[in-house]
C-alpha cells in the first residue's frame, strides 16, 4: 500500500507543474478547451471532496485503510 502512495505522490509532483506550464506551451484551440474543462473539473472536485484534491483524497483514504489494517485487535 505504501508503494501505491509513493506513486500517487510522484504523479502529484509531475502533474501540477505540467498543469501550470501547459497553456503556455501548447497553442491549439482544441487543447485549450480540454485544459479549461480539466482545470474546472479539478476546481469543482475541491468543492465536493472536503476541500482536497482528488490525489490527496485518495492518498488519505488509502493511508487510513492501511493504518487500520496494521492495528492488532485485542479481545
N, C-alpha and C. Protein backbone atom coordinates (compact mmCIF):
# COMPACT_ATOMS: atom_id res chain seq x y z
N UNK A 1 0.82 -1.18 0.00
CA UNK A 1 0.00 0.00 0.00
C UNK A 1 0.87 1.26 0.00
N UNK A 2 1.99 1.23 0.72
CA UNK A 2 2.86 2.40 0.77
C UNK A 2 3.46 2.71 -0.58
N UNK A 3 3.73 1.69 -1.38
CA UNK A 3 4.29 1.93 -2.71
C UNK A 3 3.28 2.67 -3.58
N UNK A 4 2.00 2.31 -3.44
CA UNK A 4 0.97 3.00 -4.21
C UNK A 4 0.88 4.46 -3.79
N UNK A 5 1.03 4.74 -2.49
CA UNK A 5 1.01 6.12 -2.02
C UNK A 5 2.21 6.90 -2.56
N UNK A 6 3.37 6.25 -2.68
CA UNK A 6 4.55 6.91 -3.25
C UNK A 6 4.32 7.22 -4.73
N UNK A 7 3.69 6.29 -5.44
CA UNK A 7 3.39 6.52 -6.86
C UNK A 7 2.41 7.69 -7.00
N UNK A 8 1.41 7.77 -6.11
CA UNK A 8 0.48 8.90 -6.13
C UNK A 8 1.22 10.21 -5.88
N UNK A 9 2.19 10.19 -4.99
CA UNK A 9 2.99 11.39 -4.72
C UNK A 9 3.79 11.82 -5.94
N UNK A 10 4.37 10.85 -6.64
CA UNK A 10 5.13 11.16 -7.86
C UNK A 10 4.21 11.73 -8.93
N UNK A 11 3.04 11.14 -9.09
CA UNK A 11 2.06 11.66 -10.06
C UNK A 11 1.68 13.09 -9.69
N UNK A 12 1.50 13.35 -8.41
CA UNK A 12 1.14 14.68 -7.93
C UNK A 12 2.25 15.69 -8.25
N UNK A 13 3.50 15.31 -8.01
CA UNK A 13 4.64 16.20 -8.26
C UNK A 13 4.78 16.49 -9.74
N UNK A 14 4.53 15.52 -10.60
CA UNK A 14 4.65 15.71 -12.05
C UNK A 14 3.44 16.45 -12.61
N UNK A 15 2.27 16.17 -12.08
CA UNK A 15 1.02 16.68 -12.64
C UNK A 15 0.90 18.20 -12.55
N UNK A 16 1.15 18.77 -11.39
CA UNK A 16 0.85 20.18 -11.21
C UNK A 16 1.78 21.13 -11.96
N UNK A 17 3.07 20.86 -12.07
CA UNK A 17 3.87 21.74 -12.95
C UNK A 17 3.42 21.66 -14.41
N UNK A 18 3.03 20.48 -14.85
CA UNK A 18 2.52 20.34 -16.22
C UNK A 18 1.23 21.12 -16.37
N UNK A 19 0.37 21.07 -15.36
CA UNK A 19 -0.89 21.80 -15.40
C UNK A 19 -0.66 23.32 -15.48
N UNK A 20 0.41 23.81 -14.87
CA UNK A 20 0.71 25.23 -14.90
C UNK A 20 1.35 25.63 -16.24
N UNK A 21 2.26 24.82 -16.76
CA UNK A 21 3.03 25.17 -17.96
C UNK A 21 2.25 24.89 -19.25
N UNK A 22 1.32 23.95 -19.22
CA UNK A 22 0.61 23.50 -20.42
C UNK A 22 0.02 24.62 -21.27
N UNK A 23 -0.70 25.59 -20.71
CA UNK A 23 -1.31 26.61 -21.58
C UNK A 23 -0.30 27.52 -22.26
N UNK A 24 0.91 27.62 -21.72
CA UNK A 24 1.93 28.46 -22.32
C UNK A 24 2.72 27.74 -23.41
N UNK A 25 2.71 26.41 -23.38
CA UNK A 25 3.47 25.62 -24.34
C UNK A 25 2.62 25.22 -25.54
N UNK A 26 1.40 24.80 -25.30
CA UNK A 26 0.52 24.30 -26.36
C UNK A 26 -0.38 25.43 -26.84
N UNK A 27 -0.33 25.69 -28.13
CA UNK A 27 -1.20 26.72 -28.71
C UNK A 27 -2.10 26.04 -29.73
N UNK A 28 -3.25 25.59 -29.24
CA UNK A 28 -4.22 24.92 -30.07
C UNK A 28 -5.58 25.05 -29.39
N UNK A 29 -6.59 25.45 -30.14
CA UNK A 29 -7.89 25.71 -29.54
C UNK A 29 -8.52 24.46 -28.92
N UNK A 30 -8.36 23.31 -29.57
CA UNK A 30 -8.94 22.07 -29.02
C UNK A 30 -8.31 21.72 -27.68
N UNK A 31 -7.00 21.87 -27.58
CA UNK A 31 -6.33 21.57 -26.33
C UNK A 31 -6.67 22.60 -25.26
N UNK A 32 -6.92 23.84 -25.67
CA UNK A 32 -7.33 24.87 -24.71
C UNK A 32 -8.68 24.52 -24.08
N UNK A 33 -9.59 24.05 -24.88
CA UNK A 33 -10.91 23.65 -24.36
C UNK A 33 -10.76 22.47 -23.42
N UNK A 34 -9.92 21.51 -23.78
CA UNK A 34 -9.66 20.37 -22.90
C UNK A 34 -9.04 20.85 -21.59
N UNK A 35 -8.08 21.76 -21.67
CA UNK A 35 -7.41 22.28 -20.48
C UNK A 35 -8.38 22.99 -19.56
N UNK A 36 -9.22 23.85 -20.12
CA UNK A 36 -10.19 24.60 -19.31
C UNK A 36 -11.18 23.64 -18.65
N UNK A 37 -11.65 22.65 -19.38
CA UNK A 37 -12.57 21.66 -18.82
C UNK A 37 -11.91 20.88 -17.68
N UNK A 38 -10.68 20.44 -17.92
CA UNK A 38 -9.95 19.68 -16.91
C UNK A 38 -9.69 20.54 -15.67
N UNK A 39 -9.29 21.79 -15.88
CA UNK A 39 -9.00 22.68 -14.77
C UNK A 39 -10.26 22.94 -13.93
N UNK A 40 -11.40 23.15 -14.59
CA UNK A 40 -12.63 23.34 -13.85
C UNK A 40 -13.06 22.08 -13.12
N UNK A 41 -12.79 20.91 -13.70
CA UNK A 41 -13.06 19.65 -13.01
C UNK A 41 -12.25 19.57 -11.72
N UNK A 42 -10.98 19.95 -11.79
CA UNK A 42 -10.13 19.93 -10.60
C UNK A 42 -10.67 20.91 -9.56
N UNK A 43 -11.05 22.11 -9.99
CA UNK A 43 -11.58 23.11 -9.05
C UNK A 43 -12.90 22.65 -8.42
N UNK A 44 -13.78 22.09 -9.23
CA UNK A 44 -15.07 21.62 -8.69
C UNK A 44 -14.90 20.42 -7.77
N UNK A 45 -13.90 19.58 -8.06
CA UNK A 45 -13.68 18.43 -7.20
C UNK A 45 -13.26 18.87 -5.81
N UNK A 46 -12.61 20.03 -5.69
CA UNK A 46 -12.26 20.55 -4.37
C UNK A 46 -13.51 20.84 -3.55
N UNK A 47 -14.56 21.24 -4.24
CA UNK A 47 -15.81 21.56 -3.56
C UNK A 47 -16.48 20.32 -3.00
N UNK A 48 -16.42 19.22 -3.73
CA UNK A 48 -17.18 18.04 -3.36
C UNK A 48 -16.40 17.01 -2.57
N UNK A 49 -15.08 17.17 -2.42
CA UNK A 49 -14.30 16.19 -1.66
C UNK A 49 -13.63 16.87 -0.47
N UNK A 50 -14.39 17.57 0.30
CA UNK A 50 -13.93 18.18 1.55
C UNK A 50 -12.72 19.10 1.37
N UNK A 51 -12.66 19.82 0.28
CA UNK A 51 -11.58 20.78 0.07
C UNK A 51 -10.24 20.16 -0.22
N UNK A 52 -10.22 18.94 -0.75
CA UNK A 52 -8.96 18.27 -1.07
C UNK A 52 -8.93 17.93 -2.55
N UNK A 53 -7.72 17.89 -3.09
CA UNK A 53 -7.55 17.45 -4.47
C UNK A 53 -7.82 15.96 -4.54
N UNK A 54 -8.25 15.46 -5.70
CA UNK A 54 -8.55 14.02 -5.81
C UNK A 54 -7.36 13.13 -5.42
N UNK A 55 -6.16 13.52 -5.81
CA UNK A 55 -4.99 12.69 -5.49
C UNK A 55 -4.75 12.65 -3.99
N UNK A 56 -4.83 13.78 -3.31
CA UNK A 56 -4.61 13.78 -1.86
C UNK A 56 -5.75 13.09 -1.12
N UNK A 57 -6.96 13.17 -1.66
CA UNK A 57 -8.10 12.49 -1.04
C UNK A 57 -7.92 10.97 -1.10
N UNK A 58 -7.53 10.46 -2.26
CA UNK A 58 -7.28 9.01 -2.39
C UNK A 58 -6.14 8.59 -1.48
N UNK A 59 -5.10 9.41 -1.42
CA UNK A 59 -3.97 9.11 -0.56
C UNK A 59 -4.39 9.04 0.91
N UNK A 60 -5.22 9.97 1.34
CA UNK A 60 -5.68 9.99 2.73
C UNK A 60 -6.51 8.75 3.04
N UNK A 61 -7.39 8.37 2.12
CA UNK A 61 -8.22 7.19 2.33
C UNK A 61 -7.36 5.93 2.40
N UNK A 62 -6.38 5.82 1.49
CA UNK A 62 -5.52 4.64 1.50
C UNK A 62 -4.64 4.58 2.74
N UNK A 63 -4.17 5.73 3.21
CA UNK A 63 -3.33 5.71 4.40
C UNK A 63 -4.15 5.35 5.64
N UNK A 64 -5.40 5.80 5.71
CA UNK A 64 -6.27 5.40 6.82
C UNK A 64 -6.55 3.91 6.78
N UNK A 65 -6.79 3.40 5.56
CA UNK A 65 -7.10 1.99 5.40
C UNK A 65 -5.90 1.13 5.81
N UNK A 66 -4.69 1.55 5.39
CA UNK A 66 -3.51 0.76 5.72
C UNK A 66 -3.19 0.84 7.21
N UNK A 67 -3.48 1.99 7.86
CA UNK A 67 -3.20 2.09 9.29
C UNK A 67 -4.16 1.24 10.11
N UNK A 68 -5.41 1.10 9.65
CA UNK A 68 -6.36 0.26 10.38
C UNK A 68 -6.07 -1.22 10.16
N UNK A 69 -5.48 -1.58 9.02
CA UNK A 69 -5.14 -2.98 8.78
C UNK A 69 -3.96 -3.41 9.62
N UNK A 70 -3.08 -2.46 9.98
CA UNK A 70 -1.89 -2.79 10.75
C UNK A 70 -2.14 -2.87 12.25
N UNK A 71 -3.27 -2.42 12.72
CA UNK A 71 -3.58 -2.45 14.14
C UNK A 71 -3.92 -3.88 14.57
N UNK A 72 -3.52 -4.20 15.79
CA UNK A 72 -3.82 -5.53 16.35
C UNK A 72 -5.06 -5.39 17.21
N UNK A 73 -6.03 -6.23 16.95
CA UNK A 73 -7.27 -6.20 17.74
C UNK A 73 -7.11 -7.10 18.96
N UNK A 74 -7.21 -6.49 20.13
CA UNK A 74 -7.14 -7.25 21.37
C UNK A 74 -8.55 -7.60 21.82
N UNK A 75 -8.73 -8.81 22.35
CA UNK A 75 -10.08 -9.20 22.83
C UNK A 75 -10.49 -8.48 24.08
